[in-house]
Amino acid sequence: MTSRTPAADETPGYEQARDELIEVVRRLEAGGTSLEESLALWERGEELAKVCRRWLEGARARLDAALAEEAAQDGGEGADEE
């Protein structure tokens, strides 16, 4: 298999992915790498950014669900209080 897509149990957590992404950016900004290494770093950075985005989207969905549940509970109690 040539794809670098990690298995679900190999996907890093948000903080781990973010920290690695920061290091990738530092290395790219510092320069001094070959074109091939720079491209590999760029591709890794894109993968890490996607991981971070998925974690953040999941967190947003959980927050939205909790807020909707709270609003539904509040809606049934004292709806005339406003």
C-alpha atoms as a PDB file:
ATOM      1  CA  MET A   1       0.000   0.000   0.000  1.00  0.00           C
ATOM      2  CA  THR A   2       1.480   3.378  -0.998  1.00  0.00           C
ATOM      3  CA  SER A   3      -0.948   5.622   0.873  1.00  0.00           C
ATOM      4  CA  ARG A   4       0.236   7.187   4.145  1.00  0.00           C
ATOM      5  CA  THR A   5      -3.275   7.343   5.569  1.00  0.00           C
ATOM      6  CA  PRO A   6      -2.905   6.223   9.180  1.00  0.00           C
ATOM      7  CA  ALA A   7      -5.217   3.693  10.727  1.00  0.00           C
ATOM      8  CA  ALA A   8      -7.744   5.057  13.188  1.00  0.00           C
ATOM      9  CA  ASP A   9      -5.648   3.925  16.159  1.00  0.00           C
ATOM     10  CA  GLU A  10      -2.571   5.711  14.716  1.00  0.00           C
ATOM     11  CA  THR A  11      -4.237   9.108  14.313  1.00  0.00           C
ATOM     12  CA  PRO A  12      -2.554  11.547  16.683  1.00  0.00           C
ATOM     13  CA  GLY A  13      -4.510  13.527  19.222  1.00  0.00           C
ATOM     14  CA  TYR A  14      -5.106  17.213  18.639  1.00  0.00           C
ATOM     15  CA  GLU A  15      -2.236  18.440  20.814  1.00  0.00           C
ATOM     16  CA  GLN A  16       0.236  15.959  19.323  1.00  0.00           C
ATOM     17  CA  ALA A  17      -0.769  16.881  15.761  1.00  0.00           C
ATOM     18  CA  ARG A  18      -0.631  20.602  16.554  1.00  0.00           C
ATOM     19  CA  ASP A  19       2.818  20.331  18.135  1.00  0.00           C
ATOM     20  CA  GLU A  20       4.167  18.332  15.203  1.00  0.00           C
ATOM     21  CA  LEU A  21       2.628  20.832  12.773  1.00  0.00           C
ATOM     22  CA  ILE A  22       4.375  23.677  14.597  1.00  0.00           C
ATOM     23  CA  GLU A  23       7.678  21.847  14.224  1.00  0.00           C
ATOM     24  CA  VAL A  24       7.052  21.225  10.509  1.00  0.00           C
ATOM     25  CA  VAL A  25       6.361  24.923   9.974  1.00  0.00           C
ATOM     26  CA  ARG A  26       9.512  25.884  11.885  1.00  0.00           C
ATOM     27  CA  ARG A  27      11.617  23.571   9.731  1.00  0.00           C
ATOM     28  CA  LEU A  28      10.080  24.908   6.522  1.00  0.00           C
ATOM     29  CA  GLU A  29      10.563  28.525   7.597  1.00  0.00           C
ATOM     30  CA  ALA A  30      14.167  27.888   8.632  1.00  0.00           C
ATOM     31  CA  GLY A  31      15.016  26.651   5.142  1.00  0.00           C
ATOM     32  CA  GLY A  32      18.127  24.677   4.432  1.00  0.00           C
ATOM     33  CA  THR A  33      16.231  21.585   3.312  1.00  0.00           C
ATOM     34  CA  SER A  34      16.281  20.006  -0.093  1.00  0.00           C
ATOM     35  CA  LEU A  35      13.335  20.405  -2.411  1.00  0.00           C
ATOM     36  CA  GLU A  36      12.362  16.782  -1.833  1.00  0.00           C
ATOM     37  CA  GLU A  37      12.501  17.163   1.954  1.00  0.00           C
ATOM     38  CA  SER A  38      10.578  20.453   1.775  1.00  0.00           C
ATOM     39  CA  LEU A  39       7.832  18.776  -0.257  1.00  0.00           C
ATOM     40  CA  ALA A  40       7.678  15.890   2.218  1.00  0.00           C
ATOM     41  CA  LEU A  41       7.421  18.360   5.109  1.00  0.00           C
ATOM     42  CA  TRP A  42       4.706  20.305   3.284  1.00  0.00           C
ATOM     43  CA  GLU A  43       2.702  17.115   2.677  1.00  0.00           C
ATOM     44  CA  ARG A  44       3.079  16.098   6.320  1.00  0.00           C
ATOM     45  CA  GLY A  45       1.957  19.554   7.377  1.00  0.00           C
ATOM     46  CA  GLU A  46      -1.151  19.250   5.215  1.00  0.00           C
ATOM     47  CA  GLU A  47      -1.958  15.876   6.803  1.00  0.00           C
ATOM     48  CA  LEU A  48      -1.479  17.282  10.301  1.00  0.00           C
ATOM     49  CA  ALA A  49      -3.632  20.328   9.509  1.00  0.00           C
ATOM     50  CA  LYS A  50      -6.431  17.980   8.402  1.00  0.00           C
ATOM     51  CA  VAL A  51      -6.125  16.010  11.639  1.00  0.00           C
ATOM     52  CA  CYS A  52      -6.350  19.226  13.669  1.00  0.00           C
ATOM     53  CA  ARG A  53      -9.314  20.414  11.609  1.00  0.00           C
ATOM     54  CA  ARG A  54     -11.170  17.119  12.192  1.00  0.00           C
ATOM     55  CA  TRP A  55     -10.548  17.333  15.945  1.00  0.00           C
ATOM     56  CA  LEU A  56     -11.784  20.930  16.045  1.00  0.00           C
ATOM     57  CA  GLU A  57     -14.852  20.132  13.933  1.00  0.00           C
ATOM     58  CA  GLY A  58     -15.642  17.236  16.274  1.00  0.00           C
ATOM     59  CA  ALA A  59     -15.279  19.485  19.296  1.00  0.00           C
ATOM     60  CA  ARG A  60     -17.543  22.086  17.674  1.00  0.00           C
ATOM     61  CA  ALA A  61     -20.172  19.432  16.941  1.00  0.00           C
ATOM     62  CA  ARG A  62     -20.076  18.265  20.559  1.00  0.00           C
ATOM     63  CA  LEU A  63     -20.440  21.830  21.828  1.00  0.00           C
ATOM     64  CA  ASP A  64     -23.297  22.547  19.429  1.00  0.00           C
ATOM     65  CA  ALA A  65     -25.062  19.351  20.525  1.00  0.00           C
ATOM     66  CA  ALA A  66     -24.632  20.223  24.204  1.00  0.00           C
ATOM     67  CA  LEU A  67     -25.899  23.761  23.650  1.00  0.00           C
ATOM     68  CA  ALA A  68     -28.873  22.488  21.644  1.00  0.00           C
ATOM     69  CA  GLU A  69     -29.706  19.993  24.379  1.00  0.00           C
ATOM     70  CA  GLU A  70     -29.463  22.707  27.021  1.00  0.00           C
ATOM     71  CA  ALA A  71     -31.653  25.025  24.949  1.00  0.00           C
ATOM     72  CA  ALA A  72     -34.229  22.264  24.484  1.00  0.00           C
ATOM     73  CA  GLN A  73     -34.307  21.640  28.225  1.00  0.00           C
ATOM     74  CA  ASP A  74     -34.563  25.352  28.964  1.00  0.00           C
ATOM     75  CA  GLY A  75     -37.258  25.741  26.336  1.00  0.00           C
ATOM     76  CA  GLY A  76     -39.530  23.368  28.198  1.00  0.00           C
ATOM     77  CA  GLU A  77     -39.003  25.145  31.514  1.00  0.00           C
ATOM     78  CA  GLY A  78     -40.002  28.739  31.982  1.00  0.00           C
ATOM     79  CA  ALA A  79     -40.315  29.648  28.321  1.00  0.00           C
ATOM     80  CA  ASP A  80     -42.305  32.739  29.339  1.00  0.00           C
ATOM     81  CA  GLU A  81     -39.474  34.169  31.494  1.00  0.00           C
ATOM     82  CA  GLU A  82     -37.946  36.336  28.731  1.00  0.00           C
END
